[in-house]
Protein backbone atom coordinates (compact mmCIF):
# COMPACT_ATOMS: atom_id res chain seq x y z
CA MET A 1 91.71 -25.80 23.48
CA SER A 2 93.59 -24.84 20.33
CA LEU A 3 93.57 -26.84 17.10
CA VAL A 4 97.15 -28.02 17.66
CA GLY A 5 96.34 -29.20 21.18
CA LEU A 6 93.25 -31.01 19.92
CA LEU A 7 95.25 -32.72 17.16
CA GLU A 8 97.97 -33.73 19.63
CA THR A 9 95.37 -35.30 21.92
CA LEU A 10 93.56 -37.01 19.03
CA SER A 11 96.85 -38.37 17.64
CA THR A 12 97.89 -39.73 21.01
CA ILE A 13 94.53 -41.40 21.66
CA THR A 14 94.27 -43.02 18.22
CA CYS A 15 97.90 -44.19 18.24
CA ALA A 16 97.53 -45.62 21.74
CA GLY A 17 94.25 -47.32 20.82
CA SER A 18 95.70 -48.97 17.74
CA PHE A 19 98.79 -50.03 19.70
CA ILE A 20 96.67 -51.63 22.43
CA ILE A 21 94.64 -53.52 19.83
CA TRP A 22 97.83 -54.60 18.03
CA VAL A 23 99.31 -55.96 21.25
CA SER A 24 96.16 -57.86 22.17
CA ILE A 25 95.10 -58.96 18.67
CA GLY A 26 95.54 -62.66 19.48
CA THR A 27 93.19 -62.43 22.44
CA LEU A 28 90.65 -60.31 20.57
CA SER A 29 90.58 -62.68 17.58
CA LYS A 30 89.17 -65.83 19.16
CA THR A 31 86.33 -66.10 16.62
CA ASP A 32 86.10 -65.11 12.97
CA ARG A 33 83.52 -62.43 13.76
CA SER A 34 85.57 -60.86 16.57
CA GLU A 35 88.67 -60.99 14.37
CA LYS A 36 86.95 -59.06 11.58
CA ILE A 37 85.56 -56.48 14.01
CA THR A 38 88.97 -56.07 15.67
CA GLN A 39 90.69 -55.68 12.31
CA GLN A 40 88.16 -53.06 11.21
CA ILE A 41 88.52 -51.09 14.43
CA MET A 42 92.31 -51.22 14.19
CA THR A 43 92.24 -50.11 10.55
CA ILE A 44 89.96 -47.17 11.37
CA LEU A 45 92.13 -46.16 14.33
CA CYS A 46 95.33 -46.39 12.28
CA PHE A 47 94.00 -44.31 9.40
CA GLY A 48 92.49 -41.84 11.88
CA ALA A 49 95.86 -41.58 13.57
CA ALA A 50 97.59 -41.03 10.23
CA VAL A 51 95.20 -38.24 9.27
CA SER A 52 95.53 -36.56 12.65
CA LEU A 53 99.33 -36.89 12.57
CA PHE A 54 99.58 -35.36 9.10
CA ALA A 55 97.23 -32.57 10.21
CA LEU A 56 99.33 -32.07 13.33
CA TYR A 57 102.47 -31.73 11.23
CA TYR A 58 100.90 -29.24 8.83
CA THR A 59 99.50 -27.08 11.66
CA GLY A 60 102.94 -26.79 13.23
CA GLY A 61 102.41 -29.11 16.18
CA SER A 62 104.74 -31.74 17.55
CA ILE A 63 104.49 -35.14 19.10
CA PHE A 64 106.99 -36.34 21.70
CA GLY A 65 108.78 -33.00 21.19
CA SER A 66 109.46 -33.53 17.49
CA ALA A 67 107.56 -32.04 14.57
CA ASN A 68 109.07 -34.43 12.01
CA LEU A 69 108.12 -37.51 14.04
CA ALA A 70 104.47 -36.86 13.25
CA ARG A 71 105.02 -37.55 9.54
CA ILE A 72 107.04 -40.69 10.21
CA LEU A 73 104.42 -42.04 12.61
CA ALA A 74 101.69 -41.23 10.08
CA VAL A 75 103.39 -43.38 7.45
CA VAL A 76 103.85 -46.19 9.98
CA CYS A 77 100.15 -45.92 10.90
CA ILE A 78 99.20 -46.27 7.23
CA ALA A 79 101.37 -49.39 6.88
CA VAL A 80 99.93 -50.92 10.05
CA GLY A 81 96.40 -50.01 8.96
CA ILE A 82 96.88 -51.78 5.63
CA SER A 83 98.41 -54.82 7.31
CA ALA A 84 95.54 -54.93 9.82
CA THR A 85 93.23 -56.07 7.04
CA MET A 86 95.19 -59.30 6.56
CA ASN A 87 93.95 -62.51 8.11
CA ILE A 88 96.01 -63.73 11.07
CA LYS A 89 94.44 -67.17 11.49
CA GLY A 90 96.84 -68.83 9.07
CA GLU A 91 95.04 -68.73 5.75
CA GLU A 92 97.31 -69.26 2.77
CA VAL A 93 97.94 -65.77 1.40
CA GLN A 94 101.21 -66.29 -0.47
CA GLY A 95 100.08 -69.13 -2.69
CA GLU A 96 103.30 -70.99 -1.94
CA PRO A 97 103.57 -74.35 -0.19
CA ASN A 98 104.22 -74.32 3.52
CA PRO A 99 107.71 -75.74 4.38
CA HIS A 100 106.15 -77.96 7.04
CA HIS A 101 103.78 -79.46 4.49
CA LEU A 102 106.69 -80.04 2.11
CA MET A 103 108.68 -81.87 4.80
CA LYS A 104 105.65 -83.97 5.74
CA ALA A 105 104.98 -84.87 2.10
CA ARG A 106 108.65 -85.77 1.58
CA LYS A 107 108.65 -88.04 4.64
CA GLU A 108 105.45 -89.74 3.50
CA ARG A 109 106.90 -90.26 0.01
CA GLU A 110 110.12 -91.69 1.46
CA GLU A 111 108.13 -94.05 3.69
CA LEU A 112 106.06 -95.23 0.75
CA GLU A 113 109.19 -95.79 -1.34
CA SER A 114 110.90 -97.71 1.45
CA ASN A 115 107.82 -99.92 1.97
CA ASP A 116 107.66 -100.84 -1.74
């Protein structure tokens, strides 16, 4: 098997693996431990896919019949790999109040004011 063929196969496997994990992330993240493991596996697969896609591009290979698609997919894999490290269980990451909490607080304040 040539280097280009090996890189095409590696790129396809790592992209497919990260896609499958991305689709089933909710199911795989039932506990905090499984969520962290899933996120780490997805990050490794995404960065592995990005490296193999860049290598595929620079060795003259193609994916889905396009040589330029390899670079685009590599950048997407990097973005997905970075986002895979974020918590999906609803921790406050923006530091801004949640609109639902604001509405609830406003209703409680209005009820208190109307009772006084």
